Amino acid sequence: MAFRSERLGSVVMDPDTLVRQYLLLGLGFDRLEDGFVDAFTGDPALRKQIESAPKPDPRELARTARELRGELAGSGLNAERAHFIDVHLRALECSGRKFAGEDIGFVDEVEAYFDVRIEKGNEDAYSDAHRLMGEVLPGPGPLAQRVQAHRKADEIPAARLNECVEAMSSALRDLVRGTFGLPASETVEYEVVGDKPWSGFNYYLGDYRSKVAINSDLPQFMANLPRLIAHESYPGHHTEHCRKEAGLVGSGQLEQTLFLVNTPQCIMAEGLADLALEAIVGPEWGLWAQDIYADLGLSFDGEKAQRLSAASGQLLSVRQDAALMLHDEGRSLDDVALFLERWSLSTPERARQSLKFLSSPLWRAYTSTYVEGYRLLGGWLDEVPVGAERTERFRRLLDEPLVPSSLRAA
C-alpha cells in the first residue's frame, strides 16, 4: 500500500514521518467513501499518491491505524499533538473495521469515532420542553400544529433568501473580525443546492476560502438563519478552519491540514459551531437579528424567537435518541419517524428528511456530534462567566487542537 511504503522496518518514526503517514492513511479512506475527507489543505502530492494507488483494503487501513498508534510514544511529538493524533487513529481504526464489514455496536462505534459515550435522553424533559414551548405559543389546537404554523409564518420567501444570507453573513463577519480576527483574504461563497441530507454544509477549500451550500429542499426560517450562518461561517466552521490554518498549520502542525468525517474533530467543530451565535452576538441574538431583518423590510419577532429557542433546548437529545432507536434497538423507519414527529414537533416530511441523514452509512453516527458537542463544549464554556473569560475560551476552541477528552481532563 502506498501509505505504508515509508513506514516500519528501519525507518525512524520521527514526528514528520508519523504525521505524513497519518495524512496518507486518512486520505486513503476517501477511496473507500467519497466525502470521508471533509477537507484537505496539505501537500497535493500526498493526495495524488493515494489517488494513483490501488483502492485500499479497509482491513489494511485499520491495521495501519493500530500500528501508528503504537509508534506515537516514541515519535517525539509533544503530548498535545500525540493525543490529538491518537484519538483520531482510534477513530480511523474503527472506520476501517466498519468498512471491512465488522459488526460493531452503535454506541461503541460512536465512542470510537467521537471520544464520547452516549445514552438515551429523558422523555420527561421533552414533555417539559413542550410545556414551555406551549407557553411561548399559546392558543387552541395541538402544540405541533401551533409550532408548524409559527414556522410557516417564519419561513423566508425563496426569492429573498440570498439577500438575507448575505446580510446576515456580512453582519456576523464584522463582529468576528472585531472580536477574534480573520485573515485579510478570507472569503465565503454561498450557493443553494438540493437533494442533500443536511440543511447546510461548509466546504473548506484552503487559503482561507469556503463554499457554503444551503439545502433548498428544506424551508429556511428567519429564526434559524442567523444560527445557520454563524454555524457554517462566522464564527463557526469557516472561522475555525481559517484560524487553525493560519495558526496551527502555519506553525508546522500539518496534521491539521486534514479534516475527516467520523473523528473527534467533528464533535469539537459541530459543538463550537452550534454555540457560535451566542458566542459572538450574545443571548439577545434574536433582537440583533430583528434589526437586520427590519433593514430588509421583513418582520421578525426576535424576542419570541429567543424564548422559543430557550424553551426547546431540552429537545436536544431527540435526534440522538432516534439514531439509537434505529441502529442500536433495531426499530423500524416508521417507528423512528413517528418518534421524531412526536417529540421534535416536525412535519412527516421533515421527519423523513431527518431519516435520510440518520440512515446514511457515512453520516449515521454523526448526529451525536451536534448533541454531545453542544453539551460538552457548552458546559466547558459555562464554567467561566460571560464576558472576556468566555470569549477567551471560545477563542481556544477556534485556535487549539482540543478533543473531547482534553476538555474532560481540564
Protein backbone atom coordinates (compact mmCIF):
# COMPACT_ATOMS: atom_id res chain seq x y z
CA MET A 1 0.00 0.00 0.00
CA ALA A 2 1.28 3.45 -0.91
CA PHE A 3 0.64 4.92 2.50
CA ARG A 4 2.69 2.15 4.17
CA SER A 5 5.74 2.36 1.93
CA GLU A 6 7.68 4.71 4.20
CA ARG A 7 6.76 3.04 7.48
CA LEU A 8 8.14 0.37 9.74
CA GLY A 9 11.32 -1.59 9.10
CA SER A 10 14.43 0.51 9.60
CA VAL A 11 12.64 3.84 9.21
CA VAL A 12 12.73 6.01 12.32
CA MET A 13 9.22 7.22 13.07
CA ASP A 14 10.10 10.85 13.73
CA PRO A 15 7.32 13.46 14.01
CA ASP A 16 7.34 14.42 10.33
CA THR A 17 7.26 10.79 9.19
CA LEU A 18 4.42 9.87 11.54
CA VAL A 19 2.32 12.88 10.56
CA ARG A 20 2.90 12.13 6.88
CA GLN A 21 1.71 8.56 7.40
CA TYR A 22 -1.34 9.80 9.33
CA LEU A 23 -2.23 12.09 6.41
CA LEU A 24 -1.79 9.32 3.84
CA LEU A 25 -3.90 6.98 5.96
CA GLY A 26 -6.72 9.49 6.31
CA LEU A 27 -6.67 10.29 2.60
CA GLY A 28 -6.89 6.58 1.87
CA PHE A 29 -10.36 6.42 3.41
CA ASP A 30 -11.67 8.78 0.72
CA ARG A 31 -11.00 5.98 -1.77
CA LEU A 32 -13.49 3.83 0.14
CA GLU A 33 -16.17 6.52 0.62
CA ASP A 34 -16.18 9.77 -1.31
CA GLY A 35 -16.68 12.56 1.20
CA PHE A 36 -14.87 10.87 4.09
CA VAL A 37 -12.22 13.57 3.72
CA ASP A 38 -14.16 16.70 4.54
CA ALA A 39 -11.21 18.99 3.83
CA PHE A 40 -7.54 18.63 2.94
CA THR A 41 -5.33 21.69 2.52
CA GLY A 42 -1.95 19.98 2.64
CA ASP A 43 0.57 18.84 0.05
CA PRO A 44 -1.31 17.96 -3.19
CA ALA A 45 1.33 15.30 -3.90
CA LEU A 46 0.01 13.25 -0.96
CA ARG A 47 -3.50 13.19 -2.39
CA LYS A 48 -2.12 12.35 -5.84
CA GLN A 49 -0.11 9.49 -4.32
CA ILE A 50 -3.27 7.98 -2.83
CA GLU A 51 -5.38 8.57 -5.94
CA SER A 52 -2.84 6.80 -8.17
CA ALA A 53 -2.52 3.78 -5.85
CA PRO A 54 -4.83 0.73 -5.91
CA LYS A 55 -8.01 1.04 -3.88
CA PRO A 56 -7.01 0.17 -0.29
CA ASP A 57 -8.24 -2.80 1.71
CA PRO A 58 -10.18 -1.46 4.74
CA ARG A 59 -8.64 -4.16 6.96
CA GLU A 60 -5.21 -2.86 5.98
CA LEU A 61 -6.30 0.68 6.81
CA ALA A 62 -7.48 -0.44 10.26
CA ARG A 63 -4.23 -2.31 10.86
CA THR A 64 -2.15 0.69 9.81
CA ALA A 65 -4.10 2.94 12.19
CA ARG A 66 -3.47 0.49 15.03
CA GLU A 67 0.25 0.24 14.26
CA LEU A 68 0.66 4.02 14.00
CA ARG A 69 -0.89 4.37 17.47
CA GLY A 70 1.88 2.13 18.75
CA GLU A 71 4.50 4.41 17.20
CA LEU A 72 3.26 7.61 18.85
CA ALA A 73 5.06 7.28 22.19
CA GLY A 74 8.48 7.16 20.55
CA SER A 75 7.82 9.64 17.77
CA GLY A 76 8.98 12.78 19.57
CA LEU A 77 5.64 14.55 19.16
CA ASN A 78 4.65 16.68 22.14
CA ALA A 79 1.88 15.35 24.39
CA GLU A 80 -0.88 17.55 22.95
CA ARG A 81 -0.18 16.64 19.33
CA ALA A 82 0.32 12.97 20.15
CA HIS A 83 -3.01 12.81 21.98
CA PHE A 84 -4.81 14.54 19.11
CA ILE A 85 -3.44 12.07 16.56
CA ASP A 86 -4.01 9.09 18.87
CA VAL A 87 -7.77 9.62 19.26
CA HIS A 88 -8.08 10.20 15.52
CA LEU A 89 -6.20 7.00 14.74
CA ARG A 90 -8.56 5.16 17.09
CA ALA A 91 -11.49 6.56 15.11
CA LEU A 92 -9.90 5.55 11.80
CA GLU A 93 -9.26 2.04 13.06
CA CYS A 94 -12.97 1.72 13.84
CA SER A 95 -13.91 3.11 10.42
CA GLY A 96 -11.63 0.57 8.74
CA ARG A 97 -13.26 -2.25 10.65
CA LYS A 98 -16.74 -0.96 9.74
CA PHE A 99 -15.82 -0.70 6.05
CA ALA A 100 -14.50 -4.27 6.28
CA GLY A 101 -17.95 -5.41 7.39
CA GLU A 102 -17.32 -5.97 11.10
CA ASP A 103 -20.36 -5.81 13.36
CA ILE A 104 -19.66 -3.06 15.89
CA GLY A 105 -22.34 -1.92 18.31
CA PHE A 106 -23.65 1.57 17.57
CA VAL A 107 -22.77 3.01 20.99
CA ASP A 108 -19.24 1.61 20.73
CA GLU A 109 -18.95 2.96 17.19
CA VAL A 110 -19.91 6.46 18.32
CA GLU A 111 -17.43 6.31 21.21
CA ALA A 112 -14.58 5.22 18.94
CA TYR A 113 -15.36 7.96 16.42
CA PHE A 114 -16.06 10.87 18.70
CA ASP A 115 -14.40 10.21 22.08
CA VAL A 116 -17.76 10.27 23.96
CA ARG A 117 -20.15 7.67 25.38
CA ILE A 118 -23.81 8.24 24.54
CA GLU A 119 -27.11 7.21 26.09
CA LYS A 120 -30.78 7.97 25.50
CA GLY A 121 -32.39 11.12 26.78
CA ASN A 122 -35.27 11.67 29.17
CA GLU A 123 -38.79 11.92 27.75
CA ASP A 124 -39.90 13.78 30.89
CA ALA A 125 -37.51 16.55 29.83
CA TYR A 126 -39.06 16.51 26.36
CA SER A 127 -42.53 16.86 27.87
CA ASP A 128 -41.33 19.81 29.94
CA ALA A 129 -39.88 21.43 26.82
CA HIS A 130 -43.25 21.06 25.11
CA ARG A 131 -44.95 22.72 28.08
CA LEU A 132 -42.55 25.69 27.91
CA MET A 133 -42.96 25.96 24.16
CA GLY A 134 -46.74 25.99 24.63
CA GLU A 135 -46.36 29.00 26.90
CA VAL A 136 -44.47 30.85 24.16
CA LEU A 137 -47.02 29.81 21.52
CA PRO A 138 -50.38 29.79 23.33
CA GLY A 139 -53.67 29.12 21.61
CA PRO A 140 -56.10 26.37 20.63
CA GLY A 141 -55.15 23.14 18.93
CA PRO A 142 -52.26 20.71 19.44
CA LEU A 143 -48.81 22.16 20.10
CA ALA A 144 -47.42 20.57 16.94
CA GLN A 145 -49.92 22.48 14.81
CA ARG A 146 -49.10 25.75 16.58
CA VAL A 147 -45.36 25.19 16.14
CA GLN A 148 -45.77 24.32 12.47
CA ALA A 149 -47.98 27.36 11.90
CA HIS A 150 -45.37 29.54 13.60
CA ARG A 151 -42.63 28.05 11.45
CA LYS A 152 -44.68 28.59 8.31
CA ALA A 153 -45.08 32.27 9.16
CA ASP A 154 -41.36 32.45 9.89
CA GLU A 155 -40.33 30.97 6.53
CA ILE A 156 -38.06 33.12 4.38
CA PRO A 157 -39.52 33.69 0.89
CA ALA A 158 -37.35 31.84 -1.60
CA ALA A 159 -36.84 35.00 -3.62
CA ARG A 160 -35.43 36.78 -0.53
CA LEU A 161 -33.14 34.01 0.73
CA ASN A 162 -29.94 35.14 -0.99
CA GLU A 163 -30.14 38.72 0.28
CA CYS A 164 -30.97 37.51 3.79
CA VAL A 165 -27.97 35.18 3.72
CA GLU A 166 -25.64 37.95 2.51
CA ALA A 167 -26.93 40.46 5.08
CA MET A 168 -26.60 38.03 7.98
CA SER A 169 -23.18 36.87 6.82
CA SER A 170 -21.87 40.40 6.47
CA ALA A 171 -23.08 41.42 9.93
CA LEU A 172 -21.61 38.34 11.60
CA ARG A 173 -18.34 38.70 9.70
CA ASP A 174 -17.91 42.23 11.01
CA LEU A 175 -18.43 41.03 14.58
CA VAL A 176 -15.96 38.18 14.19
CA ARG A 177 -13.32 40.44 12.66
CA GLY A 178 -13.64 42.79 15.62
CA THR A 179 -13.63 40.07 18.29
CA PHE A 180 -11.39 37.23 17.09
CA GLY A 181 -9.80 38.48 13.89
CA LEU A 182 -9.68 36.85 10.46
CA PRO A 183 -7.06 36.69 7.69
CA ALA A 184 -7.46 39.67 5.38
CA SER A 185 -8.04 37.50 2.32
CA GLU A 186 -10.72 35.17 3.76
CA THR A 187 -13.94 34.74 1.80
CA VAL A 188 -17.14 32.68 1.91
CA GLU A 189 -19.19 31.92 -1.20
CA TYR A 190 -22.79 30.75 -0.72
CA GLU A 191 -24.76 28.51 -3.05
CA VAL A 192 -28.21 26.90 -2.92
CA VAL A 193 -28.32 23.15 -3.62
CA GLY A 194 -30.85 20.31 -3.41
CA ASP A 195 -31.16 16.61 -2.68
CA LYS A 196 -28.90 16.65 0.38
CA PRO A 197 -29.39 15.05 3.84
CA TRP A 198 -28.34 18.23 5.69
CA SER A 199 -29.61 21.84 5.86
CA GLY A 200 -26.22 23.46 5.31
CA PHE A 201 -22.63 22.39 4.67
CA ASN A 202 -19.25 24.12 4.73
CA TYR A 203 -16.71 23.08 2.10
CA TYR A 204 -13.38 24.49 3.23
CA LEU A 205 -11.15 24.99 0.18
CA GLY A 206 -7.97 26.17 1.87
CA ASP A 207 -6.21 29.53 1.63
CA TYR A 208 -8.94 30.96 3.89
CA ARG A 209 -11.77 30.25 1.41
CA SER A 210 -15.03 28.38 1.97
CA LYS A 211 -18.05 27.45 -0.08
CA VAL A 212 -21.21 27.12 2.00
CA ALA A 213 -24.10 25.15 0.49
CA ILE A 214 -27.66 25.71 1.73
CA ASN A 215 -30.23 22.98 1.05
CA SER A 216 -33.20 24.19 -0.97
CA ASP A 217 -35.19 21.02 -0.15
CA LEU A 218 -35.79 22.39 3.35
CA PRO A 219 -37.53 25.69 4.04
CA GLN A 220 -35.26 28.25 5.66
CA PHE A 221 -36.64 30.17 8.64
CA MET A 222 -35.81 33.66 9.86
CA ALA A 223 -35.24 32.37 13.38
CA ASN A 224 -32.79 29.73 12.17
CA LEU A 225 -30.84 31.64 9.53
CA PRO A 226 -28.61 33.60 11.98
CA ARG A 227 -27.69 30.30 13.65
CA LEU A 228 -27.07 28.61 10.29
CA ILE A 229 -24.73 31.35 9.06
CA ALA A 230 -22.95 31.54 12.41
CA HIS A 231 -22.59 27.75 12.37
CA GLU A 232 -21.20 27.41 8.86
CA SER A 233 -19.24 30.66 8.58
CA TYR A 234 -18.81 33.30 11.31
CA PRO A 235 -17.57 32.33 13.89
CA GLY A 236 -18.23 28.64 13.15
CA HIS A 237 -16.64 26.23 10.65
CA HIS A 238 -15.12 28.76 8.25
CA THR A 239 -13.64 30.84 11.06
CA GLU A 240 -12.22 27.78 12.80
CA HIS A 241 -10.63 26.48 9.60
CA CYS A 242 -9.12 29.89 8.84
CA ARG A 243 -7.67 30.41 12.28
CA LYS A 244 -6.28 26.88 12.55
CA GLU A 245 -4.74 27.17 9.08
CA ALA A 246 -3.12 30.48 10.00
CA GLY A 247 -2.04 29.35 13.47
CA LEU A 248 -1.56 25.60 13.87
CA VAL A 249 -0.73 24.77 10.25
CA GLY A 250 1.40 27.89 9.98
CA SER A 251 3.44 26.68 12.96
CA GLY A 252 4.05 23.27 11.38
CA GLN A 253 1.22 21.11 12.78
CA LEU A 254 0.45 19.56 9.40
CA GLU A 255 -1.99 17.03 10.87
CA GLN A 256 -4.39 20.00 10.98
CA THR A 257 -4.44 20.15 7.16
CA LEU A 258 -6.74 17.10 7.19
CA PHE A 259 -10.34 17.12 8.42
CA LEU A 260 -12.05 13.72 8.42
CA VAL A 261 -15.65 12.65 8.91
CA ASN A 262 -16.34 10.42 11.94
CA THR A 263 -13.42 11.62 14.06
CA PRO A 264 -13.17 13.71 17.25
CA GLN A 265 -12.52 16.79 15.10
CA CYS A 266 -16.18 16.64 14.14
CA ILE A 267 -17.67 16.73 17.63
CA MET A 268 -15.43 19.68 18.51
CA ALA A 269 -16.27 21.52 15.29
CA GLU A 270 -20.03 20.94 15.49
CA GLY A 271 -20.20 21.84 19.18
CA LEU A 272 -18.26 25.03 18.50
CA ALA A 273 -20.45 25.88 15.53
CA ASP A 274 -23.71 25.27 17.39
CA LEU A 275 -22.53 27.63 20.14
CA ALA A 276 -21.21 30.18 17.67
CA LEU A 277 -24.19 32.56 17.50
CA GLU A 278 -24.41 33.16 21.24
CA ALA A 279 -20.60 33.34 21.45
CA ILE A 280 -20.40 36.25 19.03
CA VAL A 281 -23.78 38.01 19.47
CA GLY A 282 -24.83 37.03 22.99
CA PRO A 283 -28.18 35.97 24.48
CA GLU A 284 -30.05 38.81 22.72
CA TRP A 285 -29.30 37.34 19.29
CA GLY A 286 -32.98 37.47 18.32
CA LEU A 287 -33.28 41.21 18.86
CA TRP A 288 -29.99 41.68 16.98
CA ALA A 289 -31.35 39.68 14.03
CA GLN A 290 -34.66 41.57 14.19
CA ASP A 291 -32.84 44.79 13.34
CA ILE A 292 -31.12 43.18 10.33
CA TYR A 293 -34.40 41.80 9.00
CA ALA A 294 -36.06 45.18 9.54
CA ASP A 295 -33.45 46.77 7.27
CA LEU A 296 -34.55 44.25 4.61
CA GLY A 297 -38.22 45.10 5.12
CA LEU A 298 -39.01 41.77 6.85
CA SER A 299 -40.96 41.47 10.09
CA PHE A 300 -39.35 39.20 12.70
CA ASP A 301 -40.15 38.86 16.40
CA GLY A 302 -36.69 38.42 17.87
CA GLU A 303 -37.82 38.25 21.48
CA LYS A 304 -40.24 35.42 20.74
CA ALA A 305 -37.53 33.59 18.79
CA GLN A 306 -35.20 33.77 21.78
CA ARG A 307 -37.86 32.45 24.15
CA LEU A 308 -38.84 29.62 21.83
CA SER A 309 -35.21 28.61 21.33
CA ALA A 310 -34.63 28.52 25.09
CA ALA A 311 -37.83 26.54 25.67
CA SER A 312 -36.94 23.92 23.06
CA GLY A 313 -33.42 23.42 24.40
CA GLN A 314 -34.39 20.27 26.31
CA LEU A 315 -35.24 18.57 22.98
CA LEU A 316 -31.54 18.42 22.12
CA SER A 317 -31.30 14.64 22.56
CA VAL A 318 -34.35 13.73 20.46
CA ARG A 319 -32.41 13.17 17.25
CA GLN A 320 -29.72 11.15 19.03
CA ASP A 321 -32.47 9.02 20.57
CA ALA A 322 -33.78 8.47 17.04
CA ALA A 323 -30.35 7.25 15.93
CA LEU A 324 -30.16 4.88 18.91
CA MET A 325 -33.63 3.54 18.14
CA LEU A 326 -32.66 2.91 14.53
CA HIS A 327 -29.17 1.47 14.93
CA ASP A 328 -28.98 0.18 18.50
CA GLU A 329 -32.52 -1.05 19.11
CA GLY A 330 -33.34 -2.08 15.53
CA ARG A 331 -36.58 -0.11 15.37
CA SER A 332 -38.29 0.44 12.02
CA LEU A 333 -38.04 3.63 9.96
CA ASP A 334 -41.76 4.20 10.53
CA ASP A 335 -41.36 3.96 14.31
CA VAL A 336 -38.45 6.37 14.31
CA ALA A 337 -40.27 8.82 12.03
CA LEU A 338 -43.25 8.86 14.41
CA PHE A 339 -40.89 9.42 17.35
CA LEU A 340 -39.34 12.42 15.58
CA GLU A 341 -42.74 13.84 14.68
CA ARG A 342 -43.94 13.48 18.28
CA TRP A 343 -41.02 14.97 20.16
CA SER A 344 -39.41 17.33 17.64
CA LEU A 345 -42.88 18.53 16.57
CA SER A 346 -41.85 18.23 12.93
CA THR A 347 -43.95 17.51 9.88
CA PRO A 348 -43.87 13.98 8.44
CA GLU A 349 -41.87 15.38 5.51
CA ARG A 350 -39.21 16.91 7.75
CA ALA A 351 -39.03 13.75 9.88
CA ARG A 352 -38.39 11.69 6.74
CA GLN A 353 -35.73 14.19 5.69
CA SER A 354 -34.03 13.65 9.06
CA LEU A 355 -34.15 9.90 8.48
CA LYS A 356 -32.10 10.33 5.29
CA PHE A 357 -29.27 11.68 7.43
CA LEU A 358 -29.70 9.07 10.17
CA SER A 359 -29.79 6.23 7.62
CA SER A 360 -26.75 7.28 5.59
CA PRO A 361 -23.88 4.79 6.05
CA LEU A 362 -21.38 7.64 6.25
CA TRP A 363 -23.45 10.01 8.42
CA ARG A 364 -25.48 7.65 10.64
CA ALA A 365 -23.39 8.30 13.77
CA TYR A 366 -22.82 11.97 13.02
CA THR A 367 -25.93 13.24 14.82
CA SER A 368 -24.11 12.67 18.11
CA THR A 369 -21.58 15.36 17.21
CA TYR A 370 -24.29 18.01 17.48
CA VAL A 371 -25.85 16.65 20.66
CA GLU A 372 -22.74 15.73 22.62
CA GLY A 373 -20.64 18.52 21.14
CA TYR A 374 -23.11 21.16 22.28
CA ARG A 375 -23.29 19.62 25.76
CA LEU A 376 -19.57 19.16 26.24
CA LEU A 377 -18.34 22.44 24.82
CA GLY A 378 -21.28 24.38 26.25
CA GLY A 379 -20.57 23.00 29.73
CA TRP A 380 -16.90 23.88 29.38
CA LEU A 381 -17.70 27.44 28.30
CA ASP A 382 -20.24 27.81 31.11
CA GLU A 383 -17.54 27.15 33.71
CA VAL A 384 -16.45 30.80 33.30
CA PRO A 385 -18.59 33.95 33.40
CA VAL A 386 -19.96 35.66 30.30
CA GLY A 387 -17.56 38.31 29.10
CA ALA A 388 -13.84 38.32 28.47
CA GLU A 389 -13.20 34.90 30.03
CA ARG A 390 -15.95 33.21 27.99
CA THR A 391 -14.69 34.89 24.81
CA GLU A 392 -11.17 33.69 25.52
CA ARG A 393 -12.38 30.12 25.99
CA PHE A 394 -14.21 30.24 22.69
CA ARG A 395 -11.04 31.58 21.10
CA ARG A 396 -9.22 28.49 22.42
CA LEU A 397 -11.77 26.28 20.66
CA LEU A 398 -11.06 28.14 17.43
CA ASP A 399 -7.29 28.00 17.78
CA GLU A 400 -6.17 24.91 19.72
CA PRO A 401 -6.11 21.18 18.78
CA LEU A 402 -8.55 20.21 21.52
CA VAL A 403 -10.52 16.94 21.63
CA PRO A 404 -13.34 15.83 23.98
CA SER A 405 -11.04 14.03 26.42
CA SER A 406 -8.92 17.23 26.62
CA LEU A 407 -11.95 19.16 27.89
CA ARG A 408 -12.96 16.40 30.29
CA ALA A 409 -9.43 16.30 31.71
CA ALA A 410 -9.49 20.09 32.16
